[in-house]
Amino acid sequence: MMKFSLRYKLTLIHILLISVMMLCGSLFTILSMQRYYQKRLNHFMENQLSQVQSLLINTPLESVTNPAHYQALSAYAAAGGFRLTLVDSSGLVRFDSELPADSLDRMENHGSRPEIIQAKREGIGQDQRLSASLKQPFLYGALRLKHDYLPQSEGEIARYARIAYPLGEIQNQFRDLRLTIFLASIVALALISLLSYWLAGKLSYPIQKLAAVAEKVKRGDLEASFQHSSHDEIGQLADLLNQMLGKLREDLVQVRKLEQVRSQFLGNVSHELRTPIFTLQGYLETLMHSTFDDPEQEKEFISRAYQQSVRLNNLLTDLIDISRIESGEMKMIFRPFDVNGLLGKICDELQVKAKDYAVAVTVTSPGEKKMAIGDPERLTQVINNLAENAIKYNVADGRVELGCRDVPEGVEVYVADTGRGIPAEHHARIFERFYRVDKERSRAVGGTGLGLAIVKHIIEAHGSRVQLQSEVNKGSRFSFVLKKG
């Protein structure tokens, strides 16, 4: 299929519209002029007939037979530029300005002429036709000189006066006029076509520029931009496309960043899984191929293998959780709940682990009710992760405090400890997946490196953010705010 450019289409549309307008205008002009000249001719005919009637009234008709009078009346008709014929009531021609008197008896009877018949009926009549003798177009007009029902008196020469006006010259003028209008239309159409082509180019050029930039973007050049200098719809389109392109750049940067994070995540997962698997594999191989003389030593190997399996299970559980959170599969069920009641329950469950690390875990204002809105199950996971970290990375005889308090934004929930603290350079990355401040100690206490990332995602799903305050050798405080219930 042939493909036409926008410029060509616009030019063609302009030419078609203007051609139709010019054709309609030309036809209207020609028809209007024809009607105008026809009215002028009719008026001219009526005036001439009226003058002939006045002339005949003041001149005895019988004198027309006089050669001098015949010649004078013929000269009058010639001066008026028309042919004058006088016809009696029987249709016989009694005078004709184009013929001598002795030739009248050879003329046809004019009683059946359309203009004579109309004049007999209405007093005046007109007709337009080719002359039978001259073969040229004429306008005929006839006037009844007296009432037709009166008998023709003795000596009466004529009952009807008829004028024949030649139309050849007028038709030639109309033909020349039509030709002039046609030639003028052709010239005007040619000029308008050139102007339309130029204007169509002006209109389509910005669109062509947009299409060229779009082609660059299609080929991967996201640094291209849609330039424009207009404030019309095309300018608005260019601005919209630039906004879309900017969004696309941002999205591409985000996609590349996510791809990088994904690549790093897969590498970290592989590394984190490899360590407990290889360690577990080593312990099991030792148990399979070695004979232990000391039962306690064998039990120690089994215990270490079990710890690695627990670590592996925790890692997989955290991986599943963070995957469900990021994919949106893990749905939150928000409802009002008592924050202090939840903190008290968690505190009770942490006592055994706290005792193992020689750390004291307490709840601030345990009897006071603090209502907030959230998902208690997921928030239990959040507080457990924060509290377990506070216990594991604490110092001997340290303290962990779980608490909540009213703030202007809602209810603040916090986990504070008296541990070693987190250096300031790690604060910005502490919530990244697999990021560890002390990698060796983290693995030694069974950390997966995903706990704080899970905390971050769950709290953000609650419309809040985790705040960190920490000083080295003084402790840390993690907090977030929930809406009041």
Protein backbone atom coordinates (compact mmCIF):
# COMPACT_ATOMS: atom_id res chain seq x y z
CA MET A 1 0.00 0.00 0.00
CA MET A 2 1.34 3.44 -0.96
CA LYS A 3 2.23 5.54 2.07
CA PHE A 4 1.50 9.26 1.82
CA SER A 5 3.22 11.81 4.03
CA LEU A 6 1.25 14.09 6.33
CA ARG A 7 2.38 17.08 4.28
CA TYR A 8 1.01 15.53 1.11
CA LYS A 9 -2.29 14.67 2.79
CA LEU A 10 -2.73 18.18 4.19
CA THR A 11 -1.91 19.74 0.81
CA LEU A 12 -4.34 17.43 -0.99
CA ILE A 13 -7.12 18.19 1.50
CA HIS A 14 -6.55 21.94 1.12
CA ILE A 15 -6.60 21.71 -2.68
CA LEU A 16 -9.78 19.62 -2.68
CA LEU A 17 -11.58 21.97 -0.30
CA ILE A 18 -10.48 25.09 -2.18
CA SER A 19 -11.36 23.49 -5.55
CA VAL A 20 -14.88 22.75 -4.35
CA MET A 21 -15.21 26.29 -2.97
CA MET A 22 -13.89 27.85 -6.18
CA LEU A 23 -16.18 25.69 -8.34
CA CYS A 24 -19.22 26.61 -6.25
CA GLY A 25 -18.16 30.27 -6.27
CA SER A 26 -17.64 30.29 -10.05
CA LEU A 27 -20.99 28.64 -10.73
CA PHE A 28 -22.72 31.04 -8.37
CA THR A 29 -21.04 34.03 -10.05
CA ILE A 30 -21.92 32.89 -13.58
CA LEU A 31 -25.52 32.07 -12.69
CA SER A 32 -25.91 35.35 -10.83
CA MET A 33 -24.55 37.31 -13.79
CA GLN A 34 -26.79 35.41 -16.19
CA ARG A 35 -29.83 36.24 -14.05
CA TYR A 36 -28.69 39.85 -13.82
CA TYR A 37 -28.24 40.25 -17.59
CA GLN A 38 -31.48 38.41 -18.26
CA LYS A 39 -33.30 40.92 -16.06
CA ARG A 40 -31.51 43.78 -17.83
CA LEU A 41 -32.50 42.34 -21.22
CA ASN A 42 -36.11 41.92 -20.14
CA HIS A 43 -36.16 45.46 -18.82
CA PHE A 44 -34.51 46.70 -22.03
CA MET A 45 -37.07 44.81 -24.11
CA GLU A 46 -39.98 46.25 -22.16
CA ASN A 47 -38.58 49.79 -22.47
CA GLN A 48 -38.04 49.44 -26.22
CA LEU A 49 -41.52 48.04 -26.75
CA SER A 50 -42.93 50.93 -24.71
CA GLN A 51 -41.02 53.46 -26.83
CA VAL A 52 -42.15 51.75 -30.04
CA GLN A 53 -45.72 51.90 -28.79
CA SER A 54 -45.39 55.65 -28.06
CA LEU A 55 -43.86 56.18 -31.47
CA LEU A 56 -46.65 54.30 -33.22
CA ILE A 57 -49.34 56.11 -31.23
CA ASN A 58 -47.99 59.45 -32.38
CA THR A 59 -47.58 58.22 -35.97
CA PRO A 60 -50.59 57.09 -38.01
CA LEU A 61 -50.00 53.44 -38.78
CA GLU A 62 -51.26 53.82 -42.31
CA SER A 63 -48.33 56.14 -42.94
CA VAL A 64 -45.99 53.20 -42.50
CA THR A 65 -46.80 52.20 -46.00
CA ASN A 66 -45.30 55.44 -47.11
CA PRO A 67 -41.75 54.65 -48.28
CA ALA A 68 -40.26 57.58 -46.39
CA HIS A 69 -42.01 56.60 -43.19
CA TYR A 70 -41.07 52.95 -43.75
CA GLN A 71 -37.45 53.97 -44.14
CA ALA A 72 -37.54 56.21 -41.06
CA LEU A 73 -39.00 53.47 -38.87
CA SER A 74 -36.36 51.02 -40.18
CA ALA A 75 -33.64 53.53 -39.31
CA TYR A 76 -35.10 53.89 -35.81
CA ALA A 77 -34.90 50.11 -35.26
CA ALA A 78 -31.35 49.97 -36.64
CA ALA A 79 -30.30 52.78 -34.29
CA GLY A 80 -31.74 50.80 -31.36
CA GLY A 81 -29.83 47.71 -32.40
CA PHE A 82 -32.88 45.50 -32.79
CA ARG A 83 -35.21 44.20 -35.49
CA LEU A 84 -38.76 45.64 -35.46
CA THR A 85 -41.70 43.77 -36.89
CA LEU A 86 -45.35 44.83 -37.03
CA VAL A 87 -47.94 42.03 -37.24
CA ASP A 88 -51.68 42.37 -37.84
CA SER A 89 -54.40 40.43 -36.04
CA SER A 90 -54.29 37.63 -38.62
CA GLY A 91 -50.53 37.12 -38.17
CA LEU A 92 -49.42 38.76 -41.40
CA VAL A 93 -46.22 40.81 -41.27
CA ARG A 94 -46.99 44.43 -42.24
CA PHE A 95 -43.58 45.89 -41.47
CA ASP A 96 -40.04 44.48 -40.90
CA SER A 97 -37.04 46.71 -40.37
CA GLU A 98 -34.73 44.17 -42.02
CA LEU A 99 -36.79 43.72 -45.23
CA PRO A 100 -38.10 46.09 -47.92
CA ALA A 101 -41.82 46.57 -48.15
CA ASP A 102 -42.15 44.60 -51.39
CA SER A 103 -40.72 41.47 -49.74
CA LEU A 104 -43.21 41.25 -46.86
CA ASP A 105 -45.67 39.06 -48.74
CA ARG A 106 -43.05 36.28 -48.84
CA MET A 107 -42.70 36.12 -45.03
CA GLU A 108 -44.29 33.37 -42.98
CA ASN A 109 -47.38 34.05 -40.93
CA HIS A 110 -46.27 35.13 -37.41
CA GLY A 111 -49.51 34.37 -35.64
CA SER A 112 -48.09 31.14 -34.21
CA ARG A 113 -44.95 32.72 -32.77
CA PRO A 114 -44.73 32.10 -28.96
CA GLU A 115 -44.25 35.77 -28.13
CA ILE A 116 -47.27 36.76 -30.31
CA ILE A 117 -49.46 34.12 -28.68
CA GLN A 118 -48.40 35.31 -25.19
CA ALA A 119 -48.94 38.97 -26.13
CA LYS A 120 -52.40 38.13 -27.49
CA ARG A 121 -53.22 36.51 -24.14
CA GLU A 122 -51.38 38.76 -21.66
CA GLY A 123 -50.65 41.96 -23.56
CA ILE A 124 -46.88 41.35 -23.69
CA GLY A 125 -44.82 38.25 -24.47
CA GLN A 126 -41.18 37.09 -24.66
CA ASP A 127 -39.26 34.15 -26.08
CA GLN A 128 -35.64 33.23 -26.72
CA ARG A 129 -34.68 30.99 -29.66
CA LEU A 130 -32.68 30.61 -32.84
CA SER A 131 -33.87 32.60 -35.78
CA ALA A 132 -35.23 30.29 -38.52
CA SER A 133 -33.77 32.46 -41.21
CA LEU A 134 -30.52 33.76 -39.66
CA LYS A 135 -29.71 30.73 -37.49
CA GLN A 136 -28.63 32.98 -34.66
CA PRO A 137 -30.02 33.31 -31.13
CA PHE A 138 -32.45 36.17 -30.56
CA LEU A 139 -34.54 37.50 -27.71
CA TYR A 140 -38.06 38.19 -28.97
CA GLY A 141 -40.54 40.53 -27.34
CA ALA A 142 -44.06 41.31 -28.51
CA LEU A 143 -46.53 43.99 -27.39
CA ARG A 144 -50.26 44.08 -28.12
CA LEU A 145 -51.04 47.56 -29.42
CA LYS A 146 -54.80 47.45 -28.71
CA HIS A 147 -57.30 45.10 -27.25
CA ASP A 148 -57.23 41.94 -29.27
CA TYR A 149 -60.95 41.31 -29.03
CA LEU A 150 -61.72 44.58 -30.90
CA PRO A 151 -62.28 44.10 -34.60
CA GLN A 152 -59.55 45.36 -36.84
CA SER A 153 -60.60 48.72 -38.16
CA GLU A 154 -60.39 49.71 -41.76
CA GLY A 155 -56.92 50.89 -42.65
CA GLU A 156 -55.35 49.44 -39.46
CA ILE A 157 -51.80 48.35 -40.28
CA ALA A 158 -50.75 46.33 -37.18
CA ARG A 159 -52.15 44.80 -34.03
CA TYR A 160 -48.75 43.65 -32.52
CA ALA A 161 -45.30 45.20 -32.37
CA ARG A 162 -42.39 42.72 -32.08
CA ILE A 163 -38.74 43.32 -31.34
CA ALA A 164 -35.95 40.79 -32.00
CA TYR A 165 -32.73 41.51 -30.16
CA PRO A 166 -29.60 39.53 -31.19
CA LEU A 167 -27.95 37.52 -28.38
CA GLY A 168 -24.83 36.41 -30.20
CA GLU A 169 -22.65 39.21 -28.83
CA ILE A 170 -23.95 38.72 -25.28
CA GLN A 171 -23.36 34.97 -25.50
CA ASN A 172 -19.84 35.63 -26.76
CA GLN A 173 -19.27 37.93 -23.81
CA PHE A 174 -20.54 35.24 -21.45
CA ARG A 175 -18.27 32.69 -23.10
CA ASP A 176 -15.31 35.02 -22.64
CA LEU A 177 -16.37 35.63 -19.04
CA ARG A 178 -16.56 31.89 -18.31
CA LEU A 179 -13.15 31.38 -19.89
CA THR A 180 -11.71 34.26 -17.83
CA ILE A 181 -13.18 32.83 -14.62
CA PHE A 182 -11.83 29.37 -15.51
CA LEU A 183 -8.31 30.66 -16.24
CA ALA A 184 -8.35 32.82 -13.10
CA SER A 185 -9.45 29.79 -11.09
CA ILE A 186 -6.61 27.70 -12.53
CA VAL A 187 -4.03 30.37 -11.69
CA ALA A 188 -5.52 30.90 -8.22
CA LEU A 189 -5.59 27.14 -7.61
CA ALA A 190 -1.94 26.83 -8.63
CA LEU A 191 -0.91 29.66 -6.30
CA ILE A 192 -3.06 28.30 -3.48
CA SER A 193 -1.58 24.81 -4.03
CA LEU A 194 1.93 26.17 -3.60
CA LEU A 195 0.85 28.11 -0.52
CA SER A 196 -0.92 25.03 0.87
CA TYR A 197 2.17 22.91 0.28
CA TRP A 198 4.30 25.46 2.12
CA LEU A 199 1.82 25.76 5.01
CA ALA A 200 1.46 21.98 5.21
CA GLY A 201 5.24 21.77 5.49
CA LYS A 202 5.19 24.32 8.32
CA LEU A 203 2.49 22.33 10.11
CA SER A 204 4.00 18.88 9.55
CA TYR A 205 7.64 19.78 10.25
CA PRO A 206 7.27 19.77 14.07
CA ILE A 207 5.50 16.42 13.86
CA GLN A 208 8.30 15.07 11.67
CA LYS A 209 10.78 16.25 14.31
CA LEU A 210 8.79 14.47 17.01
CA ALA A 211 8.70 11.32 14.89
CA ALA A 212 12.48 11.50 14.34
CA VAL A 213 13.13 11.82 18.08
CA ALA A 214 10.67 8.97 18.75
CA GLU A 215 12.64 6.83 16.30
CA LYS A 216 15.84 7.61 18.22
CA VAL A 217 14.14 6.63 21.46
CA LYS A 218 12.92 3.43 19.79
CA ARG A 219 16.54 2.61 18.94
CA GLY A 220 17.54 3.09 22.57
CA ASP A 221 18.71 6.71 22.66
CA LEU A 222 16.98 7.79 25.87
CA GLU A 223 19.02 11.01 26.05
CA ALA A 224 17.06 12.46 23.12
CA SER A 225 14.47 15.13 23.83
CA PHE A 226 11.48 16.58 21.98
CA GLN A 227 12.36 20.21 21.21
CA HIS A 228 9.66 22.70 20.22
CA SER A 229 9.06 26.44 20.03
CA SER A 230 5.26 26.49 19.83
CA HIS A 231 2.63 26.73 22.52
CA ASP A 232 -0.14 24.95 20.62
CA GLU A 233 -1.26 21.31 20.74
CA ILE A 234 2.02 20.16 19.18
CA GLY A 235 3.96 21.95 21.92
CA GLN A 236 1.75 20.33 24.53
CA LEU A 237 2.36 16.94 22.90
CA ALA A 238 6.13 17.54 22.93
CA ASP A 239 6.01 18.47 26.64
CA LEU A 240 3.97 15.35 27.38
CA LEU A 241 6.40 13.15 25.44
CA ASN A 242 9.34 14.73 27.27
CA GLN A 243 7.64 13.98 30.58
CA MET A 244 7.03 10.40 29.48
CA LEU A 245 10.63 10.11 28.32
CA GLY A 246 11.86 11.47 31.65
CA LYS A 247 9.70 8.93 33.45
CA LEU A 248 11.08 6.23 31.19
CA ARG A 249 14.63 7.30 32.03
CA GLU A 250 13.80 7.15 35.72
CA ASP A 251 12.18 3.79 35.29
CA LEU A 252 15.17 2.52 33.35
CA VAL A 253 17.52 3.74 36.07
CA GLN A 254 15.29 2.04 38.62
CA VAL A 255 15.20 -1.15 36.56
CA ARG A 256 18.98 -1.16 36.25
CA LYS A 257 19.27 -0.50 39.94
CA LEU A 258 16.84 -3.29 40.70
CA GLU A 259 18.73 -5.55 38.33
CA GLN A 260 21.93 -4.70 40.16
CA VAL A 261 20.24 -5.29 43.50
CA ARG A 262 18.81 -8.54 42.19
CA SER A 263 22.22 -9.64 40.99
CA GLN A 264 23.75 -8.72 44.33
CA PHE A 265 20.88 -10.40 46.14
CA LEU A 266 21.33 -13.62 44.20
CA GLY A 267 25.06 -13.50 44.90
CA ASN A 268 24.43 -12.89 48.59
CA VAL A 269 21.83 -15.64 48.75
CA SER A 270 24.21 -18.06 47.08
CA HIS A 271 26.95 -17.09 49.49
CA GLU A 272 24.70 -17.21 52.55
CA LEU A 273 23.29 -20.60 51.59
CA ARG A 274 26.65 -22.02 50.61
CA THR A 275 28.20 -21.40 54.02
CA PRO A 276 25.73 -23.37 56.20
CA ILE A 277 25.30 -26.06 53.54
CA PHE A 278 29.05 -26.66 53.21
CA THR A 279 29.49 -26.51 56.98
CA LEU A 280 26.60 -28.91 57.52
CA GLN A 281 27.96 -31.15 54.79
CA GLY A 282 31.39 -31.18 56.49
CA TYR A 283 29.92 -32.11 59.88
CA LEU A 284 27.81 -34.90 58.39
CA GLU A 285 30.74 -36.31 56.41
CA THR A 286 32.81 -36.31 59.59
CA LEU A 287 30.03 -38.13 61.44
CA MET A 288 29.64 -40.63 58.61
CA HIS A 289 33.32 -41.49 58.13
CA SER A 290 34.82 -41.00 61.59
CA THR A 291 34.73 -43.07 64.73
CA PHE A 292 34.53 -41.06 67.92
CA ASP A 293 36.02 -42.49 71.09
CA ASP A 294 34.56 -39.64 73.07
CA PRO A 295 30.71 -39.53 73.00
CA GLU A 296 30.81 -35.88 74.00
CA GLN A 297 32.84 -35.03 70.93
CA GLU A 298 30.34 -36.82 68.69
CA LYS A 299 27.51 -34.99 70.42
CA GLU A 300 29.32 -31.70 69.81
CA PHE A 301 29.51 -32.40 66.06
CA ILE A 302 25.83 -33.31 65.99
CA SER A 303 24.98 -30.11 67.88
CA ARG A 304 26.98 -28.01 65.44
CA ALA A 305 25.33 -29.71 62.48
CA TYR A 306 21.94 -29.01 64.05
CA GLN A 307 22.84 -25.34 64.56
CA GLN A 308 23.76 -25.04 60.90
CA SER A 309 20.46 -26.67 59.89
CA VAL A 310 18.61 -24.20 62.14
CA ARG A 311 20.53 -21.34 60.57
CA LEU A 312 19.72 -22.67 57.11
CA ASN A 313 16.04 -22.98 58.02
CA ASN A 314 15.98 -19.42 59.43
CA LEU A 315 17.63 -18.12 56.27
CA LEU A 316 15.12 -19.84 54.00
CA THR A 317 12.22 -18.65 56.19
CA ASP A 318 13.45 -15.06 56.00
CA LEU A 319 13.99 -15.35 52.25
CA ILE A 320 10.43 -16.59 51.79
CA ASP A 321 9.09 -13.77 54.00
CA ILE A 322 10.93 -10.99 52.22
CA SER A 323 9.96 -12.43 48.84
CA ARG A 324 6.27 -12.51 49.86
CA ILE A 325 6.47 -8.95 51.18
CA GLU A 326 8.14 -7.51 48.07
CA SER A 327 5.78 -9.35 45.69
CA GLY A 328 2.72 -8.19 47.62
CA GLU A 329 1.71 -11.76 48.42
CA MET A 330 1.96 -11.12 52.15
CA LYS A 331 -1.25 -9.24 52.95
CA MET A 332 -1.56 -7.02 56.00
CA ILE A 333 -4.69 -7.15 58.16
CA PHE A 334 -5.00 -3.82 59.94
CA ARG A 335 -7.09 -3.55 63.08
CA PRO A 336 -6.97 -1.78 66.46
CA PHE A 337 -4.88 -3.55 69.10
CA ASP A 338 -3.27 -2.89 72.49
CA VAL A 339 0.41 -2.14 71.88
CA ASN A 340 1.45 -2.60 75.54
CA GLY A 341 -0.33 -5.96 75.66
CA LEU A 342 1.56 -7.10 72.54
CA LEU A 343 4.89 -5.88 73.95
CA GLY A 344 4.24 -7.72 77.24
CA LYS A 345 3.55 -10.98 75.42
CA ILE A 346 6.72 -10.66 73.33
CA CYS A 347 8.74 -9.81 76.42
CA ASP A 348 7.59 -12.98 78.15
CA GLU A 349 8.54 -15.11 75.14
CA LEU A 350 12.03 -13.56 74.98
CA GLN A 351 13.00 -14.26 78.56
CA VAL A 352 14.62 -17.63 77.83
CA LYS A 353 16.82 -16.24 75.05
CA ALA A 354 17.62 -13.16 77.13
CA LYS A 355 18.77 -15.37 80.00
CA ASP A 356 21.13 -17.25 77.67
CA TYR A 357 22.82 -13.92 76.79
CA ALA A 358 22.66 -12.56 80.37
CA VAL A 359 20.46 -9.67 79.25
CA ALA A 360 17.40 -8.25 81.01
CA VAL A 361 14.29 -7.54 78.86
CA THR A 362 11.58 -5.27 80.27
CA VAL A 363 8.44 -3.44 79.12
CA THR A 364 7.83 0.21 79.95
CA SER A 365 4.39 0.87 81.51
CA PRO A 366 3.18 -2.73 81.13
CA GLY A 367 -0.24 -2.10 82.68
CA GLU A 368 -1.16 0.93 80.60
CA LYS A 369 -3.32 0.42 77.49
CA LYS A 370 -2.12 2.01 74.26
CA MET A 371 -4.39 1.41 71.27
CA ALA A 372 -2.96 1.59 67.74
CA ILE A 373 -3.92 0.36 64.27
CA GLY A 374 -1.82 -2.26 62.51
CA ASP A 375 -1.29 -5.94 61.78
CA PRO A 376 -0.41 -7.47 65.21
CA GLU A 377 1.01 -10.64 63.65
CA ARG A 378 3.46 -8.80 61.37
CA LEU A 379 4.32 -6.25 64.04
CA THR A 380 5.14 -9.17 66.40
CA GLN A 381 7.64 -10.32 63.76
CA VAL A 382 9.08 -6.77 63.58
CA ILE A 383 9.46 -6.36 67.36
CA ASN A 384 10.86 -9.89 67.73
CA ASN A 385 13.52 -9.20 65.09
CA LEU A 386 14.51 -5.90 66.73
CA ALA A 387 14.45 -7.35 70.27
CA GLU A 388 16.41 -10.50 69.33
CA ASN A 389 19.08 -8.33 67.67
CA ALA A 390 19.16 -6.15 70.79
CA ILE A 391 19.69 -9.26 72.92
CA LYS A 392 22.28 -10.97 70.68
CA TYR A 393 24.40 -7.87 70.08
CA ASN A 394 24.23 -6.63 73.67
CA VAL A 395 26.85 -6.82 76.39
CA ALA A 396 26.83 -9.00 79.49
CA ASP A 397 24.34 -7.73 82.09
CA GLY A 398 22.90 -5.41 79.44
CA ARG A 399 19.32 -4.28 79.17
CA VAL A 400 16.66 -4.29 76.45
CA GLU A 401 13.60 -2.08 76.84
CA LEU A 402 10.37 -2.51 74.87
CA GLY A 403 7.99 0.42 75.09
CA CYS A 404 5.52 2.78 73.50
CA ARG A 405 4.40 6.36 74.02
CA ASP A 406 2.02 8.95 72.61
CA VAL A 407 3.43 11.35 69.99
CA PRO A 408 1.64 13.95 67.83
CA GLU A 409 1.64 11.57 64.86
CA GLY A 410 0.21 8.59 66.80
CA VAL A 411 1.80 5.91 68.99
CA GLU A 412 5.57 5.46 68.90
CA VAL A 413 6.82 1.90 69.45
CA TYR A 414 10.49 1.45 70.30
CA VAL A 415 13.13 -1.15 71.17
CA ALA A 416 16.13 0.24 73.07
CA ASP A 417 19.26 -1.53 74.33
CA THR A 418 22.47 -0.84 76.18
CA GLY A 419 24.61 -2.77 73.70
CA ARG A 420 27.71 -1.90 71.75
CA GLY A 421 25.89 0.47 69.38
CA ILE A 422 26.20 0.89 65.62
CA PRO A 423 28.85 3.17 64.07
CA ALA A 424 27.38 6.15 62.21
CA GLU A 425 28.83 5.07 58.84
CA HIS A 426 26.59 1.99 58.88
CA HIS A 427 23.28 3.74 59.64
CA ALA A 428 22.36 4.44 55.99
CA ARG A 429 22.79 0.78 54.94
CA ILE A 430 21.70 -1.07 58.05
CA PHE A 431 18.32 -2.02 56.54
CA GLU A 432 19.76 -3.45 53.30
CA ARG A 433 19.43 -7.16 52.70
CA PHE A 434 22.43 -9.20 53.92
CA TYR A 435 24.15 -6.07 55.20
CA ARG A 436 26.02 -6.76 58.43
CA VAL A 437 27.97 -4.42 60.69
CA ASP A 438 29.99 -7.27 62.18
CA LYS A 439 29.82 -10.17 59.74
CA GLU A 440 31.67 -12.71 61.86
CA ARG A 441 29.68 -12.03 65.02
CA SER A 442 26.41 -11.96 63.04
CA ARG A 443 26.99 -15.42 61.64
CA ALA A 444 28.20 -16.66 65.00
CA VAL A 445 24.89 -15.71 66.67
CA GLY A 446 22.86 -17.17 63.79
CA GLY A 447 21.86 -13.96 62.01
CA THR A 448 20.57 -14.23 58.43
CA GLY A 449 21.20 -10.62 57.42
CA LEU A 450 17.54 -10.22 56.38
CA GLY A 451 15.88 -9.37 59.69
CA LEU A 452 16.13 -5.58 59.44
CA ALA A 453 15.16 -5.64 55.74
CA ILE A 454 11.97 -7.48 56.72
CA VAL A 455 11.38 -4.94 59.51
CA LYS A 456 11.75 -2.08 57.02
CA HIS A 457 9.27 -3.55 54.51
CA ILE A 458 6.61 -4.38 57.12
CA ILE A 459 6.80 -0.93 58.75
CA GLU A 460 6.63 0.81 55.35
CA ALA A 461 3.52 -1.26 54.59
CA HIS A 462 2.05 0.37 57.72
CA GLY A 463 2.73 3.81 56.25
CA SER A 464 5.64 4.51 58.61
CA ARG A 465 9.45 4.43 58.69
CA VAL A 466 11.95 2.87 61.07
CA GLN A 467 14.08 5.47 62.88
CA LEU A 468 17.52 4.59 64.27
CA GLN A 469 19.41 6.34 67.06
CA SER A 470 22.69 4.73 68.08
CA GLU A 471 26.05 5.55 69.64
CA VAL A 472 29.03 3.26 69.91
CA ASN A 473 29.35 1.67 73.37
CA LYS A 474 26.13 3.34 74.53
CA GLY A 475 23.43 1.35 72.75
CA SER A 476 20.79 1.67 70.05
CA ARG A 477 17.14 2.65 69.80
CA PHE A 478 14.88 1.54 66.92
CA SER A 479 11.43 3.13 66.69
CA PHE A 480 8.43 3.59 64.42
CA VAL A 481 5.04 5.32 64.68
CA LEU A 482 1.58 3.74 64.23
CA LYS A 483 -1.74 5.48 63.87
CA LYS A 484 -3.81 5.65 67.03
CA GLY A 485 -6.63 3.15 67.33
